[in-house]
């Protein structure tokens, strides 16, 4: 089988594609034939040695995928060979096959495309946990989403609207904001043209926002905090902008808002029953058409470096996936 391999820490162009032996599942595992693999910003971090997980070389990046179960190990009753599943792993998804714990697989609902199945677990799982469990977002509140056209950002826009919030999408181009409007954004800020704070004041008439969803960090964090409503919640999702911001703690004191960390990976391990309930709700919404994950492009496995570079350079709207062959 073919696999994208990281043999040394570096940027995406250091990745190689090689033939490796086919996999055999250990007890409790299943081998899944990948039909589509999601491309996420943490994949770019793990190959640089900048992520929490640091697997031994060589390894394949990739944390989420959808495919068909090829074989099962001892003791596995579900899923069965031939079942279509969504699988989640710490790494290994950028390959034609992956061996994962059977408990890390969930059934792909009938009618849901493999590309969609491979592209919602991390983004929608993170965003729903953030908005539902960490922000306690209420209908009628105002939600500001930074980096709103990216993977987690576009999921937050769509989910925020579904949850009854007034959603302000902030992104770096008019094309990206047009995509956010299609996902339901009520108002937009192009922060390459307009000062973020002025945009927030304009849209909220000076009242500020109740919840900020921030996967960007960098220079946008502090301005967003300065225009929060009293009792607001600032969600720390990630730092795609590059710099981890250093925040003056007088801001949450004076504004009466909370800074709330969001780490979906740890949540899935520490509170598996809550996560299972969240995933069940998300799958129901996708199957019914209430959620429509945006998959803007597919790349062959051999172009994994290009896909990751596009994600790192913020050229991607919604999600992109890798497909075999």
Protein backbone atom coordinates (compact mmCIF):
# COMPACT_ATOMS: atom_id res chain seq x y z
CA UNK A 1 0.00 0.00 0.00
CA UNK A 2 1.02 3.64 -0.42
CA UNK A 3 1.61 5.93 2.54
CA UNK A 4 2.72 9.52 3.03
CA UNK A 5 5.69 9.35 5.40
CA UNK A 6 7.35 11.86 7.67
CA UNK A 7 10.95 10.72 8.18
CA UNK A 8 12.25 13.90 9.78
CA UNK A 9 10.65 16.99 11.26
CA UNK A 10 10.12 19.72 8.72
CA UNK A 11 7.68 21.50 6.44
CA UNK A 12 5.28 19.62 4.13
CA UNK A 13 7.75 19.44 1.25
CA UNK A 14 9.90 17.04 3.30
CA UNK A 15 7.15 14.40 3.17
CA UNK A 16 7.61 11.38 0.88
CA UNK A 17 5.17 8.87 -0.61
CA UNK A 18 6.34 5.25 -0.49
CA UNK A 19 5.09 1.69 -0.76
CA UNK A 20 4.87 0.07 2.68
CA UNK A 21 3.67 -3.37 3.80
CA UNK A 22 -0.07 -3.95 4.11
CA UNK A 23 -1.38 -3.86 7.67
CA UNK A 24 -2.66 -6.64 9.91
CA UNK A 25 -4.94 -5.69 12.81
CA UNK A 26 -3.88 -6.50 16.36
CA UNK A 27 -6.41 -7.66 18.95
CA UNK A 28 -9.08 -4.99 19.36
CA UNK A 29 -8.10 -3.24 16.14
CA UNK A 30 -9.55 -2.91 12.66
CA UNK A 31 -7.79 -2.11 9.40
CA UNK A 32 -9.66 0.52 7.38
CA UNK A 33 -9.15 1.08 3.66
CA UNK A 34 -9.05 4.86 3.39
CA UNK A 35 -11.48 6.47 0.93
CA UNK A 36 -10.88 10.04 2.09
CA UNK A 37 -8.67 11.63 4.75
CA UNK A 38 -9.21 15.07 6.23
CA UNK A 39 -6.36 17.59 6.11
CA UNK A 40 -6.09 19.65 9.28
CA UNK A 41 -3.77 22.32 10.67
CA UNK A 42 -2.50 20.02 13.47
CA UNK A 43 -1.20 17.69 10.73
CA UNK A 44 1.17 20.48 9.72
CA UNK A 45 2.26 20.91 13.33
CA UNK A 46 2.93 17.22 14.01
CA UNK A 47 5.31 16.88 11.05
CA UNK A 48 7.27 19.87 12.39
CA UNK A 49 7.48 18.46 15.91
CA UNK A 50 5.33 21.31 17.22
CA UNK A 51 2.30 19.28 18.32
CA UNK A 52 1.53 17.60 21.65
CA UNK A 53 1.93 14.13 20.10
CA UNK A 54 5.42 13.25 18.81
CA UNK A 55 5.29 9.83 17.11
CA UNK A 56 8.49 7.95 16.23
CA UNK A 57 9.83 8.11 12.68
CA UNK A 58 8.70 7.20 10.11
CA UNK A 59 5.03 7.98 10.55
CA UNK A 60 2.09 9.17 8.47
CA UNK A 61 0.26 12.29 9.60
CA UNK A 62 -3.54 12.43 9.49
CA UNK A 63 -6.03 12.19 12.31
CA UNK A 64 -9.40 11.66 10.64
CA UNK A 65 -10.59 9.59 7.71
CA UNK A 66 -13.51 7.68 6.28
CA UNK A 67 -13.34 4.33 4.55
CA UNK A 68 -14.33 0.69 4.53
CA UNK A 69 -13.28 -1.89 7.10
CA UNK A 70 -10.91 -4.36 5.43
CA UNK A 71 -10.20 -6.74 8.33
CA UNK A 72 -10.72 -7.01 12.09
CA UNK A 73 -8.53 -8.27 14.91
CA UNK A 74 -9.26 -10.76 17.65
CA UNK A 75 -12.19 -9.86 19.88
CA UNK A 76 -13.74 -7.28 17.54
CA UNK A 77 -17.46 -7.76 16.98
CA UNK A 78 -18.17 -4.33 15.53
CA UNK A 79 -17.52 -2.90 13.03
CA UNK A 80 -17.39 -5.74 10.54
CA UNK A 81 -15.47 -6.14 7.26
CA UNK A 82 -17.25 -4.18 4.55
CA UNK A 83 -18.72 -1.61 6.94
CA UNK A 84 -18.35 2.06 5.99
CA UNK A 85 -16.90 3.97 8.94
CA UNK A 86 -15.45 7.23 10.13
CA UNK A 87 -12.21 6.68 12.03
CA UNK A 88 -10.21 8.93 14.32
CA UNK A 89 -6.53 8.39 15.16
CA UNK A 90 -3.59 10.27 16.66
CA UNK A 91 -1.77 9.91 13.32
CA UNK A 92 -1.59 7.54 10.34
CA UNK A 93 -4.49 8.71 8.19
CA UNK A 94 -2.45 9.75 5.14
CA UNK A 95 -2.20 6.20 3.85
CA UNK A 96 -4.25 3.75 1.82
CA UNK A 97 -4.78 1.71 5.00
CA UNK A 98 -4.76 2.45 8.71
CA UNK A 99 -5.00 0.22 11.78
CA UNK A 100 -7.09 1.79 14.54
CA UNK A 101 -8.79 0.76 17.75
CA UNK A 102 -12.24 -0.56 16.89
CA UNK A 103 -13.66 1.86 19.47
CA UNK A 104 -12.27 4.76 17.41
CA UNK A 105 -14.68 3.95 14.56
CA UNK A 106 -18.25 5.07 14.13
CA UNK A 107 -20.65 4.03 11.40
CA UNK A 108 -20.86 6.36 8.41
CA UNK A 109 -24.56 7.19 8.02
CA UNK A 110 -26.20 6.02 4.81
CA UNK A 111 -26.12 8.71 2.16
CA UNK A 112 -23.19 10.60 3.69
CA UNK A 113 -20.26 10.87 1.27
CA UNK A 114 -16.83 9.56 2.33
CA UNK A 115 -15.34 13.04 1.79
CA UNK A 116 -17.85 14.58 4.17
CA UNK A 117 -17.31 11.78 6.67
CA UNK A 118 -13.57 12.41 6.60
CA UNK A 119 -13.83 16.12 7.10
CA UNK A 120 -16.18 16.82 9.98
CA UNK A 121 -14.99 14.93 13.08
CA UNK A 122 -12.17 17.26 14.10
CA UNK A 123 -13.71 20.52 12.92
CA UNK A 124 -17.34 19.99 13.92
CA UNK A 125 -16.38 17.97 17.00
CA UNK A 126 -14.13 20.80 18.17
CA UNK A 127 -16.58 23.55 17.30
CA UNK A 128 -19.64 21.89 18.84
CA UNK A 129 -17.75 21.06 22.04
CA UNK A 130 -16.52 24.65 22.15
CA UNK A 131 -19.90 26.29 21.61
CA UNK A 132 -22.07 23.83 23.51
CA UNK A 133 -19.93 22.63 26.42
CA UNK A 134 -17.39 25.41 26.95
CA UNK A 135 -19.19 28.60 25.90
CA UNK A 136 -22.72 27.44 26.81
CA UNK A 137 -23.87 29.42 23.78
CA UNK A 138 -27.50 30.52 24.01
CA UNK A 139 -29.97 31.38 21.28
CA UNK A 140 -30.00 35.12 20.69
CA UNK A 141 -26.39 35.70 21.75
CA UNK A 142 -23.82 37.21 19.40
CA UNK A 143 -20.96 34.96 18.27
CA UNK A 144 -17.81 36.31 16.58
CA UNK A 145 -15.84 33.71 14.61
CA UNK A 146 -12.27 34.61 13.65
CA UNK A 147 -10.71 32.76 10.72
CA UNK A 148 -14.30 32.03 9.80
CA UNK A 149 -13.66 30.48 6.38
CA UNK A 150 -11.21 27.84 7.61
CA UNK A 151 -12.05 24.31 8.72
CA UNK A 152 -13.02 24.86 12.35
CA UNK A 153 -14.15 28.42 11.64
CA UNK A 154 -16.66 27.47 8.97
CA UNK A 155 -17.97 24.71 11.24
CA UNK A 156 -18.42 27.25 14.05
CA UNK A 157 -20.31 29.60 11.74
CA UNK A 158 -22.71 26.87 10.66
CA UNK A 159 -23.18 25.45 14.16
CA UNK A 160 -23.58 28.86 15.77
CA UNK A 161 -26.37 29.69 13.35
CA UNK A 162 -28.04 26.30 13.93
CA UNK A 163 -27.87 26.94 17.70
CA UNK A 164 -29.72 30.23 17.29
CA UNK A 165 -26.88 32.75 17.66
CA UNK A 166 -26.32 35.90 15.67
CA UNK A 167 -23.07 35.06 13.87
CA UNK A 168 -20.40 37.54 12.81
CA UNK A 169 -17.82 35.99 10.48
CA UNK A 170 -14.37 37.58 10.28
CA UNK A 171 -11.88 36.57 7.58
CA UNK A 172 -9.18 37.99 5.32
CA UNK A 173 -10.94 38.22 1.93
CA UNK A 174 -14.32 38.95 0.40
CA UNK A 175 -14.38 35.54 -1.31
CA UNK A 176 -13.96 33.80 2.03
CA UNK A 177 -16.69 35.92 3.57
CA UNK A 178 -19.03 35.11 0.69
CA UNK A 179 -18.57 31.43 1.59
CA UNK A 180 -19.39 32.27 5.23
CA UNK A 181 -22.62 33.98 4.16
CA UNK A 182 -23.66 30.77 2.42
CA UNK A 183 -23.12 28.96 5.73
CA UNK A 184 -25.47 31.40 7.47
CA UNK A 185 -23.32 34.26 8.75
CA UNK A 186 -25.48 37.28 9.61
CA UNK A 187 -22.69 39.85 9.27
CA UNK A 188 -19.07 39.89 8.13
CA UNK A 189 -15.78 41.69 8.77
CA UNK A 190 -12.92 41.65 6.27
CA UNK A 191 -10.06 42.31 8.67
CA UNK A 192 -7.62 42.88 5.81
CA UNK A 193 -9.62 45.99 4.91
CA UNK A 194 -11.35 47.07 8.13
CA UNK A 195 -10.08 47.37 11.68
CA UNK A 196 -11.50 44.42 13.64
CA UNK A 197 -12.62 46.54 16.59
CA UNK A 198 -14.32 49.08 14.34
CA UNK A 199 -16.13 46.25 12.57
CA UNK A 200 -17.37 44.77 15.85
CA UNK A 201 -18.56 48.19 17.07
CA UNK A 202 -20.31 48.83 13.76
CA UNK A 203 -22.20 45.54 13.74
CA UNK A 204 -23.07 45.34 17.47
CA UNK A 205 -23.75 49.09 17.84
CA UNK A 206 -21.14 49.21 20.57
CA UNK A 207 -22.64 46.39 22.66
CA UNK A 208 -19.84 43.90 21.97
CA UNK A 209 -20.00 40.16 21.38
CA UNK A 210 -21.00 37.45 23.84
CA UNK A 211 -18.72 34.71 22.53
CA UNK A 212 -15.48 34.86 20.52
CA UNK A 213 -14.36 31.70 18.73
CA UNK A 214 -10.63 32.15 18.03
CA UNK A 215 -8.58 29.56 16.10
CA UNK A 216 -6.19 32.28 14.88
CA UNK A 217 -4.62 34.01 17.90
CA UNK A 218 -1.75 36.30 16.91
CA UNK A 219 -2.67 39.99 16.42
CA UNK A 220 -6.44 39.48 16.45
CA UNK A 221 -6.83 38.13 19.99
CA UNK A 222 -6.48 41.33 22.00
CA UNK A 223 -8.68 43.52 19.74
CA UNK A 224 -11.44 40.92 19.90
CA UNK A 225 -11.19 40.81 23.69
CA UNK A 226 -11.50 44.58 23.95
CA UNK A 227 -14.93 44.47 22.35
CA UNK A 228 -16.57 41.70 24.34
CA UNK A 229 -19.87 42.10 26.12
CA UNK A 230 -20.06 41.82 29.90
CA UNK A 231 -20.06 38.14 30.94
CA UNK A 232 -18.66 37.06 27.57
CA UNK A 233 -16.64 33.91 26.86
CA UNK A 234 -13.46 33.95 24.81
CA UNK A 235 -12.75 30.50 23.33
CA UNK A 236 -9.07 29.63 22.80
CA UNK A 237 -9.10 27.15 19.90
CA UNK A 238 -5.62 27.46 18.37
CA UNK A 239 -2.98 29.72 16.89
CA UNK A 240 -3.12 29.42 13.10
CA UNK A 241 -1.92 33.03 12.85
CA UNK A 242 1.48 31.95 14.15
CA UNK A 243 2.04 33.84 17.40
CA UNK A 244 0.59 32.72 20.72
CA UNK A 245 -0.71 36.04 22.09
CA UNK A 246 0.24 37.36 25.51
CA UNK A 247 -2.82 38.89 27.12
CA UNK A 248 -2.96 41.58 29.80
CA UNK A 249 -5.16 40.05 32.50
CA UNK A 250 -6.75 43.38 33.34
CA UNK A 251 -8.90 42.89 30.22
CA UNK A 252 -11.03 39.98 31.54
CA UNK A 253 -11.12 41.71 34.93
CA UNK A 254 -12.47 45.00 33.58
CA UNK A 255 -14.79 43.44 31.00
CA UNK A 256 -16.04 40.61 33.21
CA UNK A 257 -15.41 37.95 30.57
CA UNK A 258 -13.92 34.47 30.80
CA UNK A 259 -11.01 33.01 28.81
CA UNK A 260 -11.93 29.39 28.12
CA UNK A 261 -9.58 26.75 26.73
CA UNK A 262 -10.87 24.21 24.21
CA UNK A 263 -9.02 20.93 23.55
CA UNK A 264 -11.38 18.49 21.88
CA UNK A 265 -8.84 15.65 21.78
CA UNK A 266 -8.54 15.56 25.58
CA UNK A 267 -12.31 15.98 25.93
CA UNK A 268 -12.92 12.83 23.85
CA UNK A 269 -10.67 10.83 26.22
CA UNK A 270 -11.72 12.35 29.53
CA UNK A 271 -15.47 12.61 28.84
CA UNK A 272 -16.19 9.93 26.23
CA UNK A 273 -19.92 9.69 26.96
CA UNK A 274 -20.44 13.43 26.43
CA UNK A 275 -18.42 13.28 23.23
CA UNK A 276 -20.40 10.30 21.98
CA UNK A 277 -23.62 12.23 22.57
CA UNK A 278 -22.23 15.26 20.71
CA UNK A 279 -21.10 13.14 17.75
CA UNK A 280 -24.53 11.50 17.62
CA UNK A 281 -26.20 14.90 17.39
CA UNK A 282 -23.78 16.06 14.68
CA UNK A 283 -24.29 12.91 12.61
CA UNK A 284 -28.05 13.33 12.87
CA UNK A 285 -27.84 16.90 11.64
CA UNK A 286 -25.57 15.92 8.75
CA UNK A 287 -27.76 12.98 7.73
CA UNK A 288 -30.87 15.22 7.82
CA UNK A 289 -29.20 18.01 5.85
CA UNK A 290 -29.25 20.56 8.68
CA UNK A 291 -25.45 20.65 8.53
CA UNK A 292 -23.62 20.66 5.22
CA UNK A 293 -19.85 20.47 5.77
CA UNK A 294 -17.99 22.43 3.11
CA UNK A 295 -15.37 20.29 1.31
CA UNK A 296 -13.81 22.66 -1.20
CA UNK A 297 -11.15 20.42 -2.79
CA UNK A 298 -9.81 16.87 -3.05
CA UNK A 299 -6.14 16.04 -3.59
CA UNK A 300 -4.63 12.68 -4.52
CA UNK A 301 -2.55 11.12 -1.76
CA UNK A 302 0.61 11.96 -3.70
CA UNK A 303 -0.20 15.69 -3.31
CA UNK A 304 -0.39 15.65 0.50
CA UNK A 305 2.39 18.25 0.74
CA UNK A 306 0.48 20.63 -1.52
CA UNK A 307 -2.71 20.16 0.50
CA UNK A 308 -0.90 20.87 3.78
CA UNK A 309 0.85 23.91 2.31
CA UNK A 310 -2.52 25.29 1.19
CA UNK A 311 -3.88 24.81 4.72
CA UNK A 312 -0.83 26.46 6.30
CA UNK A 313 -1.01 29.41 3.90
CA UNK A 314 -4.75 29.80 4.59
CA UNK A 315 -5.72 29.31 0.98
CA UNK A 316 -8.42 26.79 1.95
CA UNK A 317 -12.12 27.50 2.35
CA UNK A 318 -13.86 24.96 4.56
CA UNK A 319 -12.05 21.62 4.44
CA UNK A 320 -9.94 19.71 1.94
CA UNK A 321 -9.35 15.97 1.81
CA UNK A 322 -6.88 13.45 0.41
CA UNK A 323 -8.14 10.54 -1.66
CA UNK A 324 -6.26 7.37 -2.66
CA UNK A 325 -4.95 6.88 -6.18
